[in-house]
PDB file of all heavy atoms in Angstrom:
ATOM      1  N   THR A   1      24.231 -73.600-105.896  1.00  0.00           N
ATOM      2  CA  THR A   1      24.688 -72.333-106.479  1.00  0.00           C
ATOM      3  C   THR A   1      23.567 -71.688-107.298  1.00  0.00           C
ATOM      4  O   THR A   1      23.443 -70.464-107.323  1.00  0.00           O
ATOM      5  CB  THR A   1      25.933 -72.530-107.357  1.00  0.00           C
ATOM      6  OG1 THR A   1      25.632 -73.405-108.447  1.00  0.00           O
ATOM      7  CG2 THR A   1      27.084 -73.111-106.550  1.00  0.00           C
ATOM      8  N   PHE A   2      22.750 -72.514-107.948  1.00  0.00           N
ATOM      9  CA  PHE A   2      21.606 -71.963-108.682  1.00  0.00           C
ATOM     10  C   PHE A   2      20.580 -71.404-107.714  1.00  0.00           C
ATOM     11  O   PHE A   2      19.985 -70.347-107.972  1.00  0.00           O
ATOM     12  CB  PHE A   2      20.967 -73.044-109.557  1.00  0.00           C
ATOM     13  CG  PHE A   2      19.849 -72.526-110.432  1.00  0.00           C
ATOM     14  CD1 PHE A   2      20.129 -71.841-111.601  1.00  0.00           C
ATOM     15  CD2 PHE A   2      18.523 -72.714-110.085  1.00  0.00           C
ATOM     16  CE1 PHE A   2      19.105 -71.346-112.409  1.00  0.00           C
ATOM     17  CE2 PHE A   2      17.493 -72.233-110.874  1.00  0.00           C
ATOM     18  CZ  PHE A   2      17.792 -71.543-112.044  1.00  0.00           C
ATOM     19  N   ARG A   3      20.378 -72.077-106.592  1.00  0.00           N
ATOM     20  CA  ARG A   3      19.418 -71.561-105.609  1.00  0.00           C
ATOM     21  C   ARG A   3      19.898 -70.229-105.049  1.00  0.00           C
ATOM     22  O   ARG A   3      19.092 -69.313-104.855  1.00  0.00           O
ATOM     23  CB  ARG A   3      19.214 -72.573-104.483  1.00  0.00           C
ATOM     24  CG  ARG A   3      18.325 -72.045-103.371  1.00  0.00           C
ATOM     25  CD  ARG A   3      17.551 -73.125-102.688  1.00  0.00           C
ATOM     26  NE  ARG A   3      16.581 -73.759-103.571  1.00  0.00           N
ATOM     27  CZ  ARG A   3      15.694 -74.671-103.162  1.00  0.00           C
ATOM     28  NH1 ARG A   3      15.662 -75.043-101.897  1.00  0.00           N
ATOM     29  NH2 ARG A   3      14.829 -75.202-104.009  1.00  0.00           N
ATOM     30  N   ARG A   4      21.182 -70.118-104.806  1.00  0.00           N
ATOM     31  CA  ARG A   4      21.715 -68.858-104.308  1.00  0.00           C
ATOM     32  C   ARG A   4      21.565 -67.760-105.366  1.00  0.00           C
ATOM     33  O   ARG A   4      21.240 -66.618-105.055  1.00  0.00           O
ATOM     34  CB  ARG A   4      23.190 -69.036-103.931  1.00  0.00           C
ATOM     35  CG  ARG A   4      23.810 -67.820-103.255  1.00  0.00           C
ATOM     36  CD  ARG A   4      25.142 -68.155-102.595  1.00  0.00           C
ATOM     37  NE  ARG A   4      26.110 -68.677-103.539  1.00  0.00           N
ATOM     38  CZ  ARG A   4      26.679 -69.870-103.477  1.00  0.00           C
ATOM     39  NH1 ARG A   4      26.342 -70.708-102.503  1.00  0.00           N
ATOM     40  NH2 ARG A   4      27.568 -70.252-104.369  1.00  0.00           N
ATOM     41  N   LEU A   5      21.753 -68.131-106.630  1.00  0.00           N
ATOM     42  CA  LEU A   5      21.642 -67.173-107.732  1.00  0.00           C
ATOM     43  C   LEU A   5      20.223 -66.640-107.876  1.00  0.00           C
ATOM     44  O   LEU A   5      20.009 -65.485-108.252  1.00  0.00           O
ATOM     45  CB  LEU A   5      22.080 -67.852-109.027  1.00  0.00           C
ATOM     46  CG  LEU A   5      22.197 -66.984-110.278  1.00  0.00           C
ATOM     47  CD1 LEU A   5      23.431 -66.102-110.205  1.00  0.00           C
ATOM     48  CD2 LEU A   5      22.257 -67.866-111.517  1.00  0.00           C
ATOM     49  N   THR A   6      19.250 -67.472-107.571  1.00  0.00           N
ATOM     50  CA  THR A   6      17.838 -67.094-107.751  1.00  0.00           C
ATOM     51  C   THR A   6      17.152 -66.771-106.421  1.00  0.00           C
ATOM     52  O   THR A   6      15.919 -66.700-106.360  1.00  0.00           O
ATOM     53  CB  THR A   6      17.077 -68.240-108.442  1.00  0.00           C
ATOM     54  OG1 THR A   6      17.286 -69.461-107.718  1.00  0.00           O
ATOM     55  CG2 THR A   6      17.564 -68.419-109.876  1.00  0.00           C
ATOM     56  N   ALA A   7      17.942 -66.559-105.385  1.00  0.00           N
ATOM     57  CA  ALA A   7      17.374 -66.335-104.049  1.00  0.00           C
ATOM     58  C   ALA A   7      16.565 -65.050-103.965  1.00  0.00           C
ATOM     59  O   ALA A   7      15.633 -64.953-103.165  1.00  0.00           O
ATOM     60  CB  ALA A   7      18.484 -66.330-103.003  1.00  0.00           C
ATOM     61  N   ARG A   8      16.917 -64.063-104.764  1.00  0.00           N
ATOM     62  CA  ARG A   8      16.156 -62.815-104.758  1.00  0.00           C
ATOM     63  C   ARG A   8      16.103 -62.240-106.166  1.00  0.00           C
ATOM     64  O   ARG A   8      17.003 -62.453-106.981  1.00  0.00           O
ATOM     65  CB  ARG A   8      16.792 -61.774-103.819  1.00  0.00           C
ATOM     66  CG  ARG A   8      18.113 -61.227-104.304  1.00  0.00           C
ATOM     67  CD  ARG A   8      18.577 -60.008-103.519  1.00  0.00           C
ATOM     68  NE  ARG A   8      19.768 -59.408-104.144  1.00  0.00           N
ATOM     69  CZ  ARG A   8      19.725 -58.485-105.098  1.00  0.00           C
ATOM     70  NH1 ARG A   8      18.558 -58.056-105.548  1.00  0.00           N
ATOM     71  NH2 ARG A   8      20.832 -57.993-105.609  1.00  0.00           N
ATOM     72  N   PHE A   9      15.024 -61.530-106.442  1.00  0.00           N
ATOM     73  CA  PHE A   9      14.914 -60.842-107.720  1.00  0.00           C
ATOM     74  C   PHE A   9      15.873 -59.667-107.726  1.00  0.00           C
ATOM     75  O   PHE A   9      16.002 -58.945-106.738  1.00  0.00           O
ATOM     76  CB  PHE A   9      13.477 -60.354-107.932  1.00  0.00           C
ATOM     77  CG  PHE A   9      13.293 -59.610-109.218  1.00  0.00           C
ATOM     78  CD1 PHE A   9      13.435 -60.248-110.432  1.00  0.00           C
ATOM     79  CD2 PHE A   9      12.980 -58.257-109.209  1.00  0.00           C
ATOM     80  CE1 PHE A   9      13.279 -59.553-111.625  1.00  0.00           C
ATOM     81  CE2 PHE A   9      12.811 -57.553-110.387  1.00  0.00           C
ATOM     82  CZ  PHE A   9      12.961 -58.204-111.600  1.00  0.00           C
ATOM     83  N   ASP A  10      16.561 -59.460-108.847  1.00  0.00           N
ATOM     84  CA  ASP A  10      17.590 -58.423-108.980  1.00  0.00           C
ATOM     85  C   ASP A  10      17.137 -57.344-109.962  1.00  0.00           C
ATOM     86  O   ASP A  10      17.487 -57.380-111.138  1.00  0.00           O
ATOM     87  CB  ASP A  10      18.920 -59.036-109.414  1.00  0.00           C
ATOM     88  CG  ASP A  10      18.754 -60.106-110.490  1.00  0.00           C
ATOM     89  OD1 ASP A  10      17.601 -60.446-110.830  1.00  0.00           O
ATOM     90  OD2 ASP A  10      19.771 -60.598-110.990  1.00  0.00           O
ATOM     91  N   PRO A  11      16.351 -56.374-109.496  1.00  0.00           N
ATOM     92  CA  PRO A  11      15.771 -55.369-110.399  1.00  0.00           C
ATOM     93  C   PRO A  11      16.807 -54.543-111.149  1.00  0.00           C
ATOM     94  O   PRO A  11      16.510 -54.017-112.230  1.00  0.00           O
ATOM     95  CB  PRO A  11      14.925 -54.491-109.467  1.00  0.00           C
ATOM     96  CG  PRO A  11      15.501 -54.706-108.105  1.00  0.00           C
ATOM     97  CD  PRO A  11      15.966 -56.123-108.095  1.00  0.00           C
ATOM     98  N   GLU A  12      18.014 -54.427-110.604  1.00  0.00           N
ATOM     99  CA  GLU A  12      19.040 -53.636-111.286  1.00  0.00           C
ATOM    100  C   GLU A  12      19.464 -54.262-112.613  1.00  0.00           C
ATOM    101  O   GLU A  12      20.068 -53.592-113.459  1.00  0.00           O
ATOM    102  CB  GLU A  12      20.258 -53.460-110.377  1.00  0.00           C
ATOM    103  CG  GLU A  12      21.077 -54.718-110.123  1.00  0.00           C
ATOM    104  CD  GLU A  12      20.515 -55.595-109.019  1.00  0.00           C
ATOM    105  OE1 GLU A  12      19.415 -55.266-108.502  1.00  0.00           O
ATOM    106  OE2 GLU A  12      21.151 -56.614-108.686  1.00  0.00           O
ATOM    107  N   LYS A  13      19.116 -55.527-112.824  1.00  0.00           N
ATOM    108  CA  LYS A  13      19.450 -56.209-114.070  1.00  0.00           C
ATOM    109  C   LYS A  13      18.301 -56.158-115.080  1.00  0.00           C
ATOM    110  O   LYS A  13      18.381 -56.773-116.146  1.00  0.00           O
ATOM    111  CB  LYS A  13      19.803 -57.677-113.786  1.00  0.00           C
ATOM    112  CG  LYS A  13      20.987 -57.877-112.850  1.00  0.00           C
ATOM    113  CD  LYS A  13      22.281 -57.368-113.466  1.00  0.00           C
ATOM    114  CE  LYS A  13      23.467 -57.697-112.551  1.00  0.00           C
ATOM    115  NZ  LYS A  13      24.747 -57.213-113.126  1.00  0.00           N
ATOM    116  N   TYR A  14      17.262 -55.413-114.748  1.00  0.00           N
ATOM    117  CA  TYR A  14      16.067 -55.394-115.579  1.00  0.00           C
ATOM    118  C   TYR A  14      15.745 -53.995-116.096  1.00  0.00           C
ATOM    119  O   TYR A  14      16.157 -52.984-115.520  1.00  0.00           O
ATOM    120  CB  TYR A  14      14.872 -55.949-114.797  1.00  0.00           C
ATOM    121  CG  TYR A  14      14.869 -57.461-114.727  1.00  0.00           C
ATOM    122  CD1 TYR A  14      15.751 -58.122-113.883  1.00  0.00           C
ATOM    123  CD2 TYR A  14      14.017 -58.201-115.522  1.00  0.00           C
ATOM    124  CE1 TYR A  14      15.781 -59.514-113.830  1.00  0.00           C
ATOM    125  CE2 TYR A  14      14.029 -59.589-115.469  1.00  0.00           C
ATOM    126  CZ  TYR A  14      14.918 -60.239-114.630  1.00  0.00           C
ATOM    127  OH  TYR A  14      14.942 -61.603-114.585  1.00  0.00           O
ATOM    128  N   VAL A  15      14.988 -53.984-117.166  1.00  0.00           N
ATOM    129  CA  VAL A  15      14.433 -52.771-117.760  1.00  0.00           C
ATOM    130  C   VAL A  15      12.952 -52.723-117.421  1.00  0.00           C
ATOM    131  O   VAL A  15      12.270 -53.751-117.434  1.00  0.00           O
ATOM    132  CB  VAL A  15      14.632 -52.780-119.291  1.00  0.00           C
ATOM    133  CG1 VAL A  15      13.833 -51.665-119.952  1.00  0.00           C
ATOM    134  CG2 VAL A  15      16.102 -52.659-119.641  1.00  0.00           C
ATOM    135  N   GLU A  16      12.462 -51.545-117.082  1.00  0.00           N
ATOM    136  CA  GLU A  16      11.034 -51.375-116.810  1.00  0.00           C
ATOM    137  C   GLU A  16      10.310 -50.921-118.065  1.00  0.00           C
ATOM    138  O   GLU A  16      10.822 -50.101-118.836  1.00  0.00           O
ATOM    139  CB  GLU A  16      10.825 -50.337-115.707  1.00  0.00           C
ATOM    140  CG  GLU A  16      11.293 -50.804-114.343  1.00  0.00           C
ATOM    141  CD  GLU A  16      10.997 -49.786-113.253  1.00  0.00           C
ATOM    142  OE1 GLU A  16      10.753 -48.609-113.605  1.00  0.00           O
ATOM    143  OE2 GLU A  16      11.013 -50.161-112.065  1.00  0.00           O
ATOM    144  N   VAL A  17       9.122 -51.452-118.264  1.00  0.00           N
ATOM    145  CA  VAL A  17       8.268 -51.056-119.374  1.00  0.00           C
ATOM    146  C   VAL A  17       7.107 -50.277-118.784  1.00  0.00           C
ATOM    147  O   VAL A  17       6.424 -50.758-117.875  1.00  0.00           O
ATOM    148  CB  VAL A  17       7.755 -52.279-120.146  1.00  0.00           C
ATOM    149  CG1 VAL A  17       6.856 -51.836-121.300  1.00  0.00           C
ATOM    150  CG2 VAL A  17       8.923 -53.108-120.664  1.00  0.00           C
ATOM    151  N   ARG A  18       6.904 -49.060-119.283  1.00  0.00           N
ATOM    152  CA  ARG A  18       5.870 -48.180-118.741  1.00  0.00           C
ATOM    153  C   ARG A  18       4.754 -47.939-119.750  1.00  0.00           C
ATOM    154  O   ARG A  18       4.978 -47.905-120.956  1.00  0.00           O
ATOM    155  CB  ARG A  18       6.463 -46.826-118.347  1.00  0.00           C
ATOM    156  CG  ARG A  18       7.497 -46.910-117.231  1.00  0.00           C
ATOM    157  CD  ARG A  18       8.094 -45.528-116.958  1.00  0.00           C
ATOM    158  NE  ARG A  18       9.083 -45.592-115.900  1.00  0.00           N
ATOM    159  CZ  ARG A  18       8.801 -45.489-114.608  1.00  0.00           C
ATOM    160  NH1 ARG A  18       7.552 -45.297-114.235  1.00  0.00           N
ATOM    161  NH2 ARG A  18       9.745 -45.568-113.704  1.00  0.00           N
ATOM    162  N   SER A  19       3.556 -47.769-119.236  1.00  0.00           N
ATOM    163  CA  SER A  19       2.427 -47.377-120.065  1.00  0.00           C
ATOM    164  C   SER A  19       1.462 -46.598-119.189  1.00  0.00           C
ATOM    165  O   SER A  19       1.118 -47.031-118.092  1.00  0.00           O
ATOM    166  CB  SER A  19       1.722 -48.596-120.656  1.00  0.00           C
ATOM    167  OG  SER A  19       0.560 -48.198-121.349  1.00  0.00           O
ATOM    168  N   ASP A  20       1.018 -45.423-119.660  1.00  0.00           N
ATOM    169  CA  ASP A  20       0.088 -44.609-118.881  1.00  0.00           C
ATOM    170  C   ASP A  20      -1.358 -45.070-119.035  1.00  0.00           C
ATOM    171  O   ASP A  20      -2.265 -44.535-118.385  1.00  0.00           O
ATOM    172  CB  ASP A  20       0.191 -43.137-119.303  1.00  0.00           C
ATOM    173  CG  ASP A  20       1.517 -42.522-118.901  1.00  0.00           C
ATOM    174  OD1 ASP A  20       2.115 -43.040-117.930  1.00  0.00           O
ATOM    175  OD2 ASP A  20       1.950 -41.579-119.563  1.00  0.00           O
ATOM    176  N   GLN A  21      -1.560 -46.080-119.952  1.00  0.00           N
ATOM    177  CA  GLN A  21      -2.888 -46.651-120.124  1.00  0.00           C
ATOM    178  C   GLN A  21      -3.929 -45.624-120.558  1.00  0.00           C
ATOM    179  O   GLN A  21      -5.086 -45.730-120.205  1.00  0.00           O
ATOM    180  CB  GLN A  21      -3.351 -47.326-118.815  1.00  0.00           C
ATOM    181  CG  GLN A  21      -2.466 -48.490-118.372  1.00  0.00           C
ATOM    182  CD  GLN A  21      -2.520 -49.644-119.351  1.00  0.00           C
ATOM    183  OE1 GLN A  21      -3.591 -50.078-119.733  1.00  0.00           O
ATOM    184  NE2 GLN A  21      -1.376 -50.118-119.782  1.00  0.00           N
ATOM    185  N   HIS A  22      -3.521 -44.611-121.341  1.00  0.00           N
ATOM    186  CA  HIS A  22      -4.473 -43.650-121.898  1.00  0.00           C
ATOM    187  C   HIS A  22      -4.437 -43.768-123.408  1.00  0.00           C
ATOM    188  O   HIS A  22      -3.378 -43.923-124.007  1.00  0.00           O
ATOM    189  CB  HIS A  22      -4.117 -42.220-121.492  1.00  0.00           C
ATOM    190  CG  HIS A  22      -4.271 -41.967-120.020  1.00  0.00           C
ATOM    191  ND1 HIS A  22      -5.445 -42.183-119.339  1.00  0.00           N
ATOM    192  CD2 HIS A  22      -3.370 -41.507-119.096  1.00  0.00           C
ATOM    193  CE1 HIS A  22      -5.288 -41.869-118.062  1.00  0.00           C
ATOM    194  NE2 HIS A  22      -4.035 -41.468-117.891  1.00  0.00           N
ATOM    195  N   ASP A  23      -5.608 -43.650-124.030  1.00  0.00           N
ATOM    196  CA  ASP A  23      -5.680 -43.802-125.481  1.00  0.00           C
ATOM    197  C   ASP A  23      -4.874 -42.750-126.215  1.00  0.00           C
ATOM    198  O   ASP A  23      -4.417 -42.975-127.324  1.00  0.00           O
ATOM    199  CB  ASP A  23      -7.146 -43.739-125.949  1.00  0.00           C
ATOM    200  CG  ASP A  23      -7.940 -44.941-125.455  1.00  0.00           C
ATOM    201  OD1 ASP A  23      -7.301 -45.963-125.131  1.00  0.00           O
ATOM    202  OD2 ASP A  23      -9.185 -44.838-125.396  1.00  0.00           O
ATOM    203  N   ASP A  24      -4.715 -41.546-125.600  1.00  0.00           N
ATOM    204  CA  ASP A  24      -4.017 -40.482-126.303  1.00  0.00           C
ATOM    205  C   ASP A  24      -2.518 -40.485-126.011  1.00  0.00           C
ATOM    206  O   ASP A  24      -1.807 -39.579-126.420  1.00  0.00           O
ATOM    207  CB  ASP A  24      -4.615 -39.119-125.928  1.00  0.00           C
ATOM    208  CG  ASP A  24      -4.554 -38.887-124.408  1.00  0.00           C
ATOM    209  OD1 ASP A  24      -4.260 -39.842-123.665  1.00  0.00           O
ATOM    210  OD2 ASP A  24      -4.801 -37.731-124.002  1.00  0.00           O
ATOM    211  N   GLN A  25      -2.054 -41.506-125.311  1.00  0.00           N
ATOM    212  CA  GLN A  25      -0.642 -41.582-124.991  1.00  0.00           C
ATOM    213  C   GLN A  25       0.068 -42.460-126.020  1.00  0.00           C
ATOM    214  O   GLN A  25      -0.507 -43.401-126.570  1.00  0.00           O
ATOM    215  CB  GLN A  25      -0.436 -42.180-123.587  1.00  0.00           C
ATOM    216  CG  GLN A  25      -0.967 -41.291-122.478  1.00  0.00           C
ATOM    217  CD  GLN A  25      -0.163 -40.008-122.360  1.00  0.00           C
ATOM    218  OE1 GLN A  25       1.045 -40.009-122.517  1.00  0.00           O
ATOM    219  NE2 GLN A  25      -0.856 -38.918-122.101  1.00  0.00           N
ATOM    220  N   PRO A  26       1.332 -42.194-126.310  1.00  0.00           N
ATOM    221  CA  PRO A  26       2.082 -43.039-127.235  1.00  0.00           C
ATOM    222  C   PRO A  26       2.347 -44.404-126.618  1.00  0.00           C
ATOM    223  O   PRO A  26       2.155 -44.626-125.432  1.00  0.00           O
ATOM    224  CB  PRO A  26       3.391 -42.269-127.432  1.00  0.00           C
ATOM    225  CG  PRO A  26       3.541 -41.453-126.177  1.00  0.00           C
ATOM    226  CD  PRO A  26       2.154 -41.081-125.785  1.00  0.00           C
ATOM    227  N   ALA A  27       2.788 -45.348-127.453  1.00  0.00           N
ATOM    228  CA  ALA A  27       3.126 -46.697-126.981  1.00  0.00           C
ATOM    229  C   ALA A  27       4.215 -46.614-125.929  1.00  0.00           C
ATOM    230  O   ALA A  27       5.029 -45.701-125.932  1.00  0.00           O
ATOM    231  CB  ALA A  27       3.597 -47.554-128.164  1.00  0.00           C
ATOM    232  N   PRO A  28       4.239 -47.567-124.999  1.00  0.00           N
ATOM    233  CA  PRO A  28       5.226 -47.523-123.919  1.00  0.00           C
ATOM    234  C   PRO A  28       6.649 -47.657-124.439  1.00  0.00           C
ATOM    235  O   PRO A  28       6.894 -48.231-125.492  1.00  0.00           O
ATOM    236  CB  PRO A  28       4.844 -48.730-123.069  1.00  0.00           C
ATOM    237  CG  PRO A  28       4.133 -49.658-123.991  1.00  0.00           C
ATOM    238  CD  PRO A  28       3.404 -48.766-124.938  1.00  0.00           C
ATOM    239  N   THR A  29       7.551 -47.122-123.682  1.00  0.00           N
ATOM    240  CA  THR A  29       8.969 -47.239-124.015  1.00  0.00           C
ATOM    241  C   THR A  29       9.681 -47.918-122.864  1.00  0.00           C
ATOM    242  O   THR A  29       9.222 -47.907-121.724  1.00  0.00           O
ATOM    243  CB  THR A  29       9.613 -45.855-124.247  1.00  0.00           C
ATOM    244  OG1 THR A  29       9.449 -45.074-123.058  1.00  0.00           O
ATOM    245  CG2 THR A  29       8.954 -45.151-125.417  1.00  0.00           C
ATOM    246  N   ALA A  30      10.810 -48.527-123.155  1.00  0.00           N
ATOM    247  CA  ALA A  30      11.613 -49.189-122.126  1.00  0.00           C
ATOM    248  C   ALA A  30      12.557 -48.179-121.505  1.00  0.00           C
ATOM    249  O   ALA A  30      13.257 -47.453-122.199  1.00  0.00           O
ATOM    250  CB  ALA A  30      12.406 -50.339-122.746  1.00  0.00           C
ATOM    251  N   GLU A  31      12.533 -48.102-120.193  1.00  0.00           N
ATOM    252  CA  GLU A  31      13.403 -47.170-119.487  1.00  0.00           C
ATOM    253  C   GLU A  31      14.285 -47.928-118.517  1.00  0.00           C
ATOM    254  O   GLU A  31      13.895 -48.957-117.962  1.00  0.00           O
ATOM    255  CB  GLU A  31      12.574 -46.156-118.701  1.00  0.00           C
ATOM    256  CG  GLU A  31      11.739 -45.236-119.585  1.00  0.00           C
ATOM    257  CD  GLU A  31      10.971 -44.230-118.728  1.00  0.00           C
ATOM    258  OE1 GLU A  31      11.179 -44.195-117.501  1.00  0.00           O
ATOM    259  OE2 GLU A  31      10.175 -43.489-119.293  1.00  0.00           O
ATOM    260  N   GLU A  32      15.470 -47.401-118.325  1.00  0.00           N
ATOM    261  CA  GLU A  32      16.357 -48.002-117.338  1.00  0.00           C
ATOM    262  C   GLU A  32      15.794 -47.749-115.945  1.00  0.00           C
ATOM    263  O   GLU A  32      15.220 -46.703-115.655  1.00  0.00           O
ATOM    264  CB  GLU A  32      17.756 -47.370-117.437  1.00  0.00           C
ATOM    265  CG  GLU A  32      18.421 -47.566-118.789  1.00  0.00           C
ATOM    266  CD  GLU A  32      18.820 -49.008-119.029  1.00  0.00           C
ATOM    267  OE1 GLU A  32      18.892 -49.761-118.049  1.00  0.00           O
ATOM    268  OE2 GLU A  32      19.048 -49.372-120.186  1.00  0.00           O
ATOM    269  N   ILE A  33      15.941 -48.726-115.080  1.00  0.00           N
ATOM    270  CA  ILE A  33      15.524 -48.549-113.695  1.00  0.00           C
ATOM    271  C   ILE A  33      16.453 -47.548-113.034  1.00  0.00           C
ATOM    272  O   ILE A  33      17.674 -47.653-113.156  1.00  0.00           O
ATOM    273  CB  ILE A  33      15.575 -49.883-112.940  1.00  0.00           C
ATOM    274  CG1 ILE A  33      14.516 -50.821-113.535  1.00  0.00           C
ATOM    275  CG2 ILE A  33      15.374 -49.711-111.460  1.00  0.00           C
ATOM    276  CD1 ILE A  33      14.502 -52.175-112.914  1.00  0.00           C
ATOM    277  N   PRO A  34      15.910 -46.561-112.345  1.00  0.00           N
ATOM    278  CA  PRO A  34      16.769 -45.573-111.698  1.00  0.00           C
ATOM    279  C   PRO A  34      17.731 -46.227-110.716  1.00  0.00           C
ATOM    280  O   PRO A  34      17.384 -47.203-110.043  1.00  0.00           O
ATOM    281  CB  PRO A  34      15.764 -44.663-110.958  1.00  0.00           C
ATOM    282  CG  PRO A  34      14.464 -44.878-111.662  1.00  0.00           C
ATOM    283  CD  PRO A  34      14.481 -46.286-112.133  1.00  0.00           C
ATOM    284  N   ALA A  35      18.935 -45.695-110.656  1.00  0.00           N
ATOM    285  CA  ALA A  35      19.942 -46.238-109.738  1.00  0.00           C
ATOM    286  C   ALA A  35      19.539 -45.919-108.306  1.00  0.00           C
ATOM    287  O   ALA A  35      18.926 -44.901-108.031  1.00  0.00           O
ATOM    288  CB  ALA A  35      21.300 -45.636-110.048  1.00  0.00           C
TER     289      ALA A  35
END
């Protein structure tokens, strides 16, 4: 049952962290993954 649970990554359960990697940009924010 654990193997079945971990059989694939489930991105809908995760938050994405973004960064534009520019010095003049603010620190990254956490955004919900688009549906």
